[in-house]
Amino acid sequence: MSATTTTSPPTPLNRSVGGRLLYVFILGDVLGAGVYALVGEMAGKVGGAVWLPLLVALGLSLLTAGSYAELVTKYPAAGGAAVFAERAFKVPILSFLVGFCMLAAGVTSAAGLSLAFAGDYFGSFVDLPVVPVALVFLLLVAALNARGIQESLRANVAMTAIELSGLLLIVVLAAVVLTRGDASPGRALEFTQGTTPALAVLSASLIAYYSFVGFETSANLAEEVKDVRRVYPRALFGALITAGVVYVGVGVAAVAVAPPEQLAGSTGPLLEVVKVADVVPERVFAVVALVAVANGALLTMIMASRLTYGMARQGLLPAGLARVLPGRRTPWVAIVATTVVAMGLVFTGDLGALAETVVLLLLVVFISTNVAVLVLRRDTVKEDHFRVAMIVPVLGTASCVLLLTQQAGQTWLRAGALVLVGVVLHLVTRLVRRRTATPTRGDG
């Protein structure tokens, strides 16, 4: 890689995010509700070797992350994958669909996380209906998002510290159980009986992949990062590797304390570890889980609003969505719009169904980004930027296609319906703009 501290491109947004804050942003987005909720799902597929699909998912994520690092430092503009697709393919409808898939994945994920927040963990303190709590939760996230990027990311620093502490606590509790002689670390090398290990790991890797997605949201902060060409790759790869190390440790610890079948039968699998250890009150860990979910939702909605803003500036969405709040300099119209959509999605499915849809939509986006790296190698820019070996985007594309083959038919139908909505929205937007641009004829 070759990088310099060149002057960043001008932007109406507040360029105030440094390298450490960006690292914490990415780490907080990756260390979200996925691992807190899905360790049991992985255990049900692969048995005790939960750490293996997590490791595979880390490797697959790093491939696509390499492509993001190159394109973000080459074209540091809000909009992320949609901007890359526009530059590479120069087909407006394709650029819109890539951006819309990313946007749909973001608001769908936020909707799912709001349901997770309002579910069993929240219910352990207050017994309230899930949907109203989820809606109020999304409104609070929107308020913090609109207050400012620095305020949002500072809140993320505290919440990331809490959720990381919760995962490290699982490792510590496993060590406590081990010293008591009650743990079985050998289970980490066992696979579910009657399954083919390679196929089981591949199937579980699709679930594990959801635990790593979130790194791509950082591309939409490109206009708010100081010295983005130097800072971004370090923060991106550092956060992913940190998350991978923590996840592998949690995977080994969880199955050492609780049998895979016990984890698979729980909607809060890490809470099973807390119960067995019997050292920390269960409600304390429930608070940590709630913080993890809230942090994931906040960062996802930051991404969705910035992506909407970037697409509006690129002419892919109505120009009104690019309006910035005076003083705060946050894209307030985009924040309102994405929050309304997320609130609507709360009524369409549970966390599991929404999570599967998120992964499928993001895999489509990742394929576009990996291919864009190959196409845009012909485009040179004056500024030095991060570059990956040519094989990286090739392998990144292949890995995404492989994971797509593991998706269920119902997930394809759900994602297809969302994409169809995007196509209709795009055509209507173009029609309205065409009519606006055409002078009206008077009666004489």
Protein backbone atom coordinates (compact mmCIF):
# COMPACT_ATOMS: atom_id res chain seq x y z
CA MET A 1 0.00 0.00 0.00
CA SER A 2 1.06 3.55 -0.66
CA ALA A 3 -0.66 6.36 1.16
CA THR A 4 -0.03 9.98 1.99
CA THR A 5 -1.70 12.56 4.16
CA THR A 6 -3.14 14.49 1.24
CA THR A 7 -5.85 17.09 1.64
CA SER A 8 -9.25 15.42 1.87
CA PRO A 9 -11.88 16.29 -0.75
CA PRO A 10 -14.30 19.10 0.25
CA THR A 11 -17.63 18.07 1.75
CA PRO A 12 -20.63 19.79 3.40
CA LEU A 13 -20.46 17.16 6.17
CA ASN A 14 -18.42 17.61 9.34
CA ARG A 15 -15.02 15.91 8.81
CA SER A 16 -14.34 15.13 12.47
CA VAL A 17 -13.83 11.35 12.76
CA GLY A 18 -10.28 10.24 13.57
CA GLY A 19 -8.65 6.84 13.23
CA ARG A 20 -9.38 5.60 16.75
CA LEU A 21 -13.00 6.67 16.58
CA LEU A 22 -13.37 4.97 13.20
CA TYR A 23 -11.80 1.76 14.55
CA VAL A 24 -14.26 1.73 17.44
CA PHE A 25 -17.13 2.50 15.05
CA ILE A 26 -16.31 -0.52 12.89
CA LEU A 27 -15.62 -2.78 15.86
CA GLY A 28 -18.87 -1.74 17.50
CA ASP A 29 -20.83 -2.39 14.31
CA VAL A 30 -19.30 -5.85 13.89
CA LEU A 31 -19.55 -6.81 17.57
CA GLY A 32 -23.31 -6.47 17.49
CA ALA A 33 -26.22 -8.71 18.30
CA GLY A 34 -25.10 -11.43 15.89
CA VAL A 35 -22.74 -13.32 18.16
CA TYR A 36 -24.96 -12.75 21.20
CA ALA A 37 -27.92 -14.40 19.47
CA LEU A 38 -26.52 -16.77 16.84
CA VAL A 39 -23.91 -18.90 18.63
CA GLY A 40 -26.72 -21.35 19.39
CA GLU A 41 -27.75 -21.49 15.73
CA MET A 42 -24.18 -22.33 14.73
CA ALA A 43 -23.91 -24.97 17.45
CA GLY A 44 -27.07 -26.60 16.11
CA LYS A 45 -25.46 -26.99 12.68
CA VAL A 46 -21.82 -27.76 13.41
CA GLY A 47 -21.80 -29.06 16.97
CA GLY A 48 -19.00 -28.04 19.31
CA ALA A 49 -16.66 -26.70 16.63
CA VAL A 50 -18.43 -23.31 16.64
CA TRP A 51 -15.12 -21.49 16.36
CA LEU A 52 -14.40 -22.99 12.92
CA PRO A 53 -17.24 -21.35 10.92
CA LEU A 54 -16.43 -18.11 12.76
CA LEU A 55 -12.86 -18.37 11.54
CA VAL A 56 -14.01 -19.17 7.99
CA ALA A 57 -16.40 -16.21 8.04
CA LEU A 58 -13.56 -13.93 9.18
CA GLY A 59 -11.43 -14.99 6.22
CA LEU A 60 -14.29 -14.44 3.77
CA SER A 61 -15.03 -11.04 5.29
CA LEU A 62 -11.41 -9.92 5.00
CA LEU A 63 -11.48 -10.61 1.26
CA THR A 64 -14.34 -8.22 0.63
CA ALA A 65 -12.95 -5.78 3.20
CA GLY A 66 -9.83 -5.54 1.05
CA SER A 67 -11.94 -4.40 -1.87
CA TYR A 68 -13.67 -1.80 0.31
CA ALA A 69 -10.33 -0.51 1.57
CA GLU A 70 -9.13 0.06 -2.00
CA LEU A 71 -12.27 1.76 -3.26
CA VAL A 72 -12.91 3.92 -0.20
CA THR A 73 -9.37 5.31 -0.26
CA LYS A 74 -9.52 5.74 -4.02
CA TYR A 75 -12.94 7.46 -4.06
CA PRO A 76 -13.59 8.85 -0.55
CA ALA A 77 -17.22 9.91 -0.90
CA ALA A 78 -20.37 9.07 1.04
CA GLY A 79 -22.57 6.53 -0.70
CA GLY A 80 -20.26 3.51 -0.52
CA ALA A 81 -21.14 0.62 -2.81
CA ALA A 82 -23.59 2.68 -4.87
CA VAL A 83 -20.87 5.20 -5.73
CA PHE A 84 -18.46 2.39 -6.64
CA ALA A 85 -21.05 0.72 -8.88
CA GLU A 86 -21.81 4.00 -10.64
CA ARG A 87 -18.14 4.61 -11.40
CA ALA A 88 -17.47 1.04 -12.50
CA PHE A 89 -20.54 0.07 -14.51
CA LYS A 90 -22.06 3.44 -15.49
CA VAL A 91 -25.55 1.93 -15.55
CA PRO A 92 -27.90 4.09 -13.44
CA ILE A 93 -30.40 1.33 -12.66
CA LEU A 94 -27.60 -0.99 -11.52
CA SER A 95 -26.04 1.70 -9.35
CA PHE A 96 -29.41 2.37 -7.79
CA LEU A 97 -30.09 -1.31 -7.10
CA VAL A 98 -26.69 -1.81 -5.46
CA GLY A 99 -27.29 1.18 -3.24
CA PHE A 100 -30.86 0.13 -2.57
CA CYS A 101 -29.77 -3.39 -1.57
CA MET A 102 -27.34 -1.86 0.90
CA LEU A 103 -29.97 0.52 2.17
CA ALA A 104 -32.58 -2.23 2.41
CA ALA A 105 -30.13 -4.43 4.31
CA GLY A 106 -29.41 -1.60 6.74
CA VAL A 107 -32.97 -0.69 7.61
CA THR A 108 -33.97 -4.38 7.69
CA SER A 109 -31.15 -5.08 10.13
CA ALA A 110 -32.17 -2.14 12.31
CA ALA A 111 -35.76 -3.40 12.34
CA GLY A 112 -34.60 -6.85 13.40
CA LEU A 113 -32.33 -5.42 16.09
CA SER A 114 -35.18 -3.32 17.45
CA LEU A 115 -37.22 -6.51 17.85
CA ALA A 116 -34.26 -8.19 19.52
CA PHE A 117 -33.95 -5.25 21.90
CA ALA A 118 -37.63 -5.39 22.78
CA GLY A 119 -37.67 -9.17 23.24
CA ASP A 120 -36.58 -11.47 26.06
CA TYR A 121 -33.67 -9.37 27.32
CA PHE A 122 -35.84 -6.27 27.73
CA GLY A 123 -38.67 -8.44 29.02
CA SER A 124 -36.52 -9.62 31.90
CA PHE A 125 -36.90 -6.12 33.36
CA VAL A 126 -40.24 -4.78 32.11
CA ASP A 127 -43.12 -6.77 30.62
CA LEU A 128 -44.30 -4.64 27.70
CA PRO A 129 -45.51 -5.48 24.18
CA VAL A 130 -42.60 -6.05 21.81
CA VAL A 131 -43.68 -3.93 18.84
CA PRO A 132 -44.36 -0.64 20.71
CA VAL A 133 -41.03 -0.95 22.53
CA ALA A 134 -39.26 -1.59 19.22
CA LEU A 135 -40.83 1.50 17.66
CA VAL A 136 -39.90 3.76 20.57
CA PHE A 137 -36.39 2.32 20.48
CA LEU A 138 -36.01 3.28 16.80
CA LEU A 139 -37.18 6.82 17.54
CA LEU A 140 -34.54 7.18 20.26
CA VAL A 141 -31.87 5.90 17.89
CA ALA A 142 -32.96 8.46 15.29
CA ALA A 143 -32.76 11.28 17.85
CA LEU A 144 -29.17 10.39 18.74
CA ASN A 145 -28.29 10.00 15.05
CA ALA A 146 -29.65 13.47 14.27
CA ARG A 147 -27.81 15.07 17.16
CA GLY A 148 -24.46 14.64 15.42
CA ILE A 149 -21.88 12.18 14.16
CA GLN A 150 -19.44 12.90 16.99
CA GLU A 151 -22.12 12.50 19.64
CA SER A 152 -23.29 9.25 18.03
CA LEU A 153 -19.79 7.84 17.78
CA ARG A 154 -18.91 8.88 21.33
CA ALA A 155 -21.97 6.97 22.52
CA ASN A 156 -20.71 4.10 20.38
CA VAL A 157 -17.35 4.15 22.21
CA ALA A 158 -19.06 3.54 25.54
CA MET A 159 -21.46 0.93 24.17
CA THR A 160 -18.70 -0.90 22.30
CA ALA A 161 -16.66 -1.09 25.50
CA ILE A 162 -19.67 -2.63 27.27
CA GLU A 163 -20.48 -5.19 24.58
CA LEU A 164 -16.82 -6.16 24.20
CA SER A 165 -16.61 -6.58 27.98
CA GLY A 166 -19.64 -8.86 27.83
CA LEU A 167 -17.97 -11.14 25.29
CA LEU A 168 -14.72 -11.18 27.22
CA LEU A 169 -16.75 -11.99 30.33
CA ILE A 170 -17.94 -15.20 28.65
CA VAL A 171 -14.30 -16.23 28.15
CA VAL A 172 -13.49 -15.43 31.79
CA LEU A 173 -16.52 -17.35 33.06
CA ALA A 174 -15.46 -20.34 30.97
CA ALA A 175 -12.05 -20.20 32.65
CA VAL A 176 -13.77 -20.15 36.05
CA VAL A 177 -15.86 -23.19 35.18
CA LEU A 178 -12.72 -24.91 33.86
CA THR A 179 -10.88 -24.37 37.16
CA ARG A 180 -13.85 -25.96 38.94
CA GLY A 181 -13.44 -29.01 36.75
CA ASP A 182 -16.91 -28.62 35.22
CA ALA A 183 -15.91 -27.53 31.68
CA SER A 184 -15.32 -29.79 28.68
CA PRO A 185 -12.94 -27.96 26.30
CA GLY A 186 -12.69 -31.09 24.12
CA ARG A 187 -16.20 -30.37 22.81
CA ALA A 188 -14.68 -27.59 20.67
CA LEU A 189 -13.26 -30.30 18.39
CA GLU A 190 -16.49 -32.29 18.04
CA PHE A 191 -18.98 -32.11 15.16
CA THR A 192 -22.67 -32.97 15.17
CA GLN A 193 -23.09 -36.69 14.64
CA GLY A 194 -24.48 -37.74 11.28
CA THR A 195 -23.28 -34.62 9.46
CA THR A 196 -20.50 -34.09 6.96
CA PRO A 197 -18.10 -31.69 8.75
CA ALA A 198 -17.22 -29.67 5.63
CA LEU A 199 -20.86 -29.12 4.67
CA ALA A 200 -21.83 -28.36 8.27
CA VAL A 201 -19.08 -25.75 8.55
CA LEU A 202 -20.14 -24.14 5.26
CA SER A 203 -23.75 -23.97 6.38
CA ALA A 204 -22.79 -22.54 9.76
CA SER A 205 -20.41 -20.07 8.08
CA LEU A 206 -23.40 -18.38 6.45
CA ILE A 207 -24.79 -17.68 9.92
CA ALA A 208 -21.35 -16.69 11.21
CA TYR A 209 -21.00 -14.26 8.30
CA TYR A 210 -23.88 -12.24 9.73
CA SER A 211 -21.78 -11.73 12.86
CA PHE A 212 -19.09 -9.99 10.77
CA VAL A 213 -21.22 -7.84 8.49
CA GLY A 214 -21.24 -4.22 9.50
CA PHE A 215 -17.73 -3.35 8.38
CA GLU A 216 -19.17 -2.18 5.05
CA THR A 217 -21.15 0.58 6.76
CA SER A 218 -17.93 2.46 7.44
CA ALA A 219 -17.62 3.28 3.71
CA ASN A 220 -20.47 5.72 4.14
CA LEU A 221 -18.44 7.78 6.62
CA ALA A 222 -15.72 8.49 4.05
CA GLU A 223 -16.58 12.20 3.92
CA GLU A 224 -16.50 12.51 7.72
CA VAL A 225 -13.12 10.82 8.34
CA LYS A 226 -9.96 12.91 8.72
CA ASP A 227 -7.09 11.77 6.48
CA VAL A 228 -9.28 8.93 5.19
CA ARG A 229 -6.73 7.45 2.77
CA ARG A 230 -4.27 6.71 5.55
CA VAL A 231 -6.66 5.97 8.39
CA TYR A 232 -9.37 3.83 6.81
CA PRO A 233 -7.49 0.58 5.96
CA ARG A 234 -5.85 0.40 9.39
CA ALA A 235 -9.14 0.88 11.21
CA LEU A 236 -11.00 -1.57 8.95
CA PHE A 237 -8.62 -4.51 9.14
CA GLY A 238 -7.77 -3.88 12.78
CA ALA A 239 -11.43 -3.97 13.79
CA LEU A 240 -12.22 -7.13 11.82
CA ILE A 241 -9.24 -9.04 13.20
CA THR A 242 -10.07 -7.91 16.73
CA ALA A 243 -13.64 -9.12 16.31
CA GLY A 244 -12.44 -12.43 14.87
CA VAL A 245 -10.15 -13.13 17.81
CA VAL A 246 -12.92 -12.32 20.29
CA TYR A 247 -15.47 -14.44 18.41
CA VAL A 248 -13.23 -17.49 18.25
CA GLY A 249 -12.57 -17.18 21.98
CA VAL A 250 -16.29 -16.89 22.71
CA GLY A 251 -17.07 -19.87 20.47
CA VAL A 252 -14.58 -22.11 22.26
CA ALA A 253 -15.65 -20.84 25.69
CA ALA A 254 -19.38 -21.29 25.10
CA VAL A 255 -19.20 -24.96 24.05
CA ALA A 256 -16.69 -25.74 26.78
CA VAL A 257 -19.21 -24.62 29.42
CA ALA A 258 -22.53 -25.66 27.86
CA PRO A 259 -23.23 -28.60 25.52
CA PRO A 260 -23.96 -27.59 21.90
CA GLU A 261 -27.53 -28.90 22.15
CA GLN A 262 -28.16 -26.66 25.16
CA LEU A 263 -26.84 -23.63 23.28
CA ALA A 264 -28.87 -24.56 20.19
CA GLY A 265 -32.07 -24.69 22.21
CA SER A 266 -31.72 -21.17 23.61
CA THR A 267 -32.60 -17.78 22.11
CA GLY A 268 -29.95 -16.28 24.41
CA PRO A 269 -27.15 -18.85 24.12
CA LEU A 270 -24.50 -16.84 25.92
CA LEU A 271 -26.89 -16.46 28.84
CA GLU A 272 -26.65 -20.25 29.20
CA VAL A 273 -22.94 -19.84 29.94
CA VAL A 274 -23.74 -17.25 32.61
CA LYS A 275 -26.26 -19.62 34.20
CA VAL A 276 -23.83 -22.54 34.33
CA ALA A 277 -21.01 -20.41 35.75
CA ASP A 278 -23.36 -18.96 38.38
CA VAL A 279 -20.97 -16.11 39.16
CA VAL A 280 -22.58 -13.05 37.55
CA PRO A 281 -26.31 -12.22 37.94
CA GLU A 282 -28.23 -13.02 34.78
CA ARG A 283 -29.78 -9.55 34.65
CA VAL A 284 -26.35 -7.95 34.53
CA PHE A 285 -25.54 -9.87 31.38
CA ALA A 286 -28.99 -9.04 30.00
CA VAL A 287 -28.09 -5.35 30.28
CA VAL A 288 -24.86 -5.98 28.37
CA ALA A 289 -26.80 -7.77 25.63
CA LEU A 290 -29.26 -4.88 25.39
CA VAL A 291 -26.38 -2.43 24.98
CA ALA A 292 -24.90 -4.62 22.24
CA VAL A 293 -28.16 -4.66 20.34
CA ALA A 294 -28.68 -0.92 20.79
CA ASN A 295 -25.18 -0.17 19.57
CA GLY A 296 -25.67 -2.29 16.46
CA ALA A 297 -28.92 -0.52 15.67
CA LEU A 298 -27.39 2.94 16.15
CA LEU A 299 -24.45 2.25 13.86
CA THR A 300 -26.65 0.60 11.25
CA MET A 301 -28.95 3.60 11.13
CA ILE A 302 -25.97 5.95 10.89
CA MET A 303 -24.94 3.95 7.81
CA ALA A 304 -28.43 3.93 6.31
CA SER A 305 -28.91 7.67 6.67
CA ARG A 306 -25.46 8.48 5.24
CA LEU A 307 -26.03 6.09 2.36
CA THR A 308 -29.37 7.70 1.60
CA TYR A 309 -27.72 11.11 1.72
CA GLY A 310 -24.93 9.98 -0.61
CA MET A 311 -27.32 8.41 -3.11
CA ALA A 312 -29.38 11.60 -3.14
CA ARG A 313 -26.29 13.66 -3.92
CA GLN A 314 -25.48 11.24 -6.75
CA GLY A 315 -28.94 11.72 -8.24
CA LEU A 316 -30.07 8.17 -7.44
CA LEU A 317 -32.69 9.32 -4.93
CA PRO A 318 -34.72 12.56 -4.60
CA ALA A 319 -32.52 15.58 -3.90
CA GLY A 320 -34.51 16.45 -0.79
CA LEU A 321 -32.95 13.49 1.01
CA ALA A 322 -29.58 15.29 0.89
CA ARG A 323 -30.76 18.16 3.10
CA VAL A 324 -28.48 18.77 6.07
CA LEU A 325 -29.60 20.03 9.48
CA PRO A 326 -28.18 23.54 10.07
CA GLY A 327 -25.75 23.69 12.95
CA ARG A 328 -25.62 19.93 13.54
CA ARG A 329 -24.76 19.30 9.86
CA THR A 330 -26.43 15.89 9.92
CA PRO A 331 -28.62 14.56 7.04
CA TRP A 332 -31.90 14.95 8.89
CA VAL A 333 -34.29 14.13 6.05
CA ALA A 334 -32.42 10.90 5.34
CA ILE A 335 -32.53 10.03 9.05
CA VAL A 336 -36.30 10.55 9.17
CA ALA A 337 -36.89 8.54 5.98
CA THR A 338 -34.79 5.53 7.01
CA THR A 339 -36.33 5.48 10.48
CA VAL A 340 -39.86 5.41 9.06
CA VAL A 341 -38.96 2.49 6.77
CA ALA A 342 -37.33 0.57 9.63
CA MET A 343 -40.42 1.09 11.77
CA GLY A 344 -42.56 -0.34 8.99
CA LEU A 345 -40.34 -3.41 8.67
CA VAL A 346 -40.83 -4.18 12.36
CA PHE A 347 -44.25 -5.55 11.41
CA THR A 348 -42.97 -7.89 8.64
CA GLY A 349 -41.03 -10.67 10.40
CA ASP A 350 -38.94 -11.88 13.33
CA LEU A 351 -35.21 -11.42 13.92
CA GLY A 352 -34.21 -14.68 12.23
CA ALA A 353 -36.12 -13.98 9.03
CA LEU A 354 -34.86 -10.41 8.83
CA ALA A 355 -31.25 -11.46 9.49
CA GLU A 356 -31.30 -13.96 6.62
CA THR A 357 -32.59 -11.27 4.30
CA VAL A 358 -29.85 -8.89 5.41
CA VAL A 359 -27.11 -11.39 4.55
CA LEU A 360 -28.49 -12.13 1.09
CA LEU A 361 -28.83 -8.46 0.20
CA LEU A 362 -25.31 -7.70 1.42
CA LEU A 363 -23.82 -10.58 -0.55
CA VAL A 364 -25.24 -9.01 -3.72
CA VAL A 365 -23.67 -5.68 -2.71
CA PHE A 366 -20.34 -7.36 -1.96
CA ILE A 367 -20.26 -9.06 -5.36
CA SER A 368 -20.78 -5.67 -7.01
CA THR A 369 -18.00 -4.09 -4.93
CA ASN A 370 -15.50 -6.87 -5.62
CA VAL A 371 -16.17 -6.72 -9.37
CA ALA A 372 -15.95 -2.91 -9.27
CA VAL A 373 -12.37 -3.16 -7.98
CA LEU A 374 -11.41 -5.17 -11.07
CA VAL A 375 -13.18 -2.81 -13.47
CA LEU A 376 -11.82 0.37 -11.87
CA ARG A 377 -8.21 -0.75 -11.96
CA ARG A 378 -8.18 1.00 -15.36
CA ASP A 379 -9.12 4.29 -13.69
CA THR A 380 -6.17 6.12 -12.17
CA VAL A 381 -6.33 8.89 -9.58
CA LYS A 382 -3.65 11.38 -8.56
CA GLU A 383 -3.70 10.56 -4.85
CA ASP A 384 -1.98 7.47 -3.48
CA HIS A 385 -4.40 4.92 -2.08
CA PHE A 386 -4.62 1.40 -0.70
CA ARG A 387 -4.36 -1.43 -3.26
CA VAL A 388 -5.02 -5.15 -2.88
CA ALA A 389 -3.61 -7.98 -4.97
CA MET A 390 -5.77 -8.79 -8.00
CA ILE A 391 -6.61 -12.21 -6.57
CA VAL A 392 -8.37 -10.66 -3.55
CA PRO A 393 -11.49 -9.28 -5.33
CA VAL A 394 -11.62 -12.46 -7.45
CA LEU A 395 -11.71 -14.65 -4.35
CA GLY A 396 -14.07 -12.19 -2.68
CA THR A 397 -16.56 -12.54 -5.52
CA ALA A 398 -16.29 -16.33 -5.51
CA SER A 399 -16.84 -16.48 -1.74
CA CYS A 400 -20.01 -14.39 -1.98
CA VAL A 401 -21.40 -16.58 -4.76
CA LEU A 402 -20.64 -19.65 -2.65
CA LEU A 403 -22.54 -18.25 0.31
CA LEU A 404 -25.48 -17.29 -1.91
CA THR A 405 -25.89 -20.96 -2.84
CA GLN A 406 -26.58 -21.69 0.85
CA GLN A 407 -29.59 -19.36 1.06
CA ALA A 408 -33.09 -20.79 1.41
CA GLY A 409 -35.80 -20.21 -1.18
CA GLN A 410 -37.96 -18.16 1.19
CA THR A 411 -35.07 -15.80 1.79
CA TRP A 412 -34.66 -15.27 -1.96
CA LEU A 413 -38.38 -14.46 -2.23
CA ARG A 414 -38.26 -11.96 0.62
CA ALA A 415 -35.17 -10.22 -0.73
CA GLY A 416 -36.61 -10.26 -4.25
CA ALA A 417 -39.72 -8.46 -3.03
CA LEU A 418 -37.57 -5.75 -1.47
CA VAL A 419 -35.54 -5.35 -4.67
CA LEU A 420 -38.76 -5.08 -6.68
CA VAL A 421 -39.82 -2.20 -4.45
CA GLY A 422 -36.48 -0.58 -5.25
CA VAL A 423 -37.00 -0.96 -8.98
CA VAL A 424 -40.45 0.65 -8.79
CA LEU A 425 -39.10 3.49 -6.64
CA HIS A 426 -36.28 4.13 -9.09
CA LEU A 427 -38.60 4.21 -12.11
CA VAL A 428 -41.05 6.53 -10.37
CA THR A 429 -38.20 8.85 -9.36
CA ARG A 430 -36.93 9.01 -12.93
CA LEU A 431 -40.42 9.67 -14.26
CA VAL A 432 -41.00 12.52 -11.80
CA ARG A 433 -37.65 14.11 -12.65
CA ARG A 434 -38.32 13.79 -16.36
CA ARG A 435 -41.66 15.54 -16.00
CA THR A 436 -40.10 18.23 -13.84
CA ALA A 437 -37.38 18.83 -16.42
CA THR A 438 -39.89 19.06 -19.32
CA PRO A 439 -41.29 22.62 -19.74
CA THR A 440 -45.05 22.82 -19.52
CA ARG A 441 -46.92 24.37 -22.46
CA GLY A 442 -49.30 27.23 -21.82
CA ASP A 443 -52.69 27.62 -23.46
CA GLY A 444 -51.61 30.63 -25.48
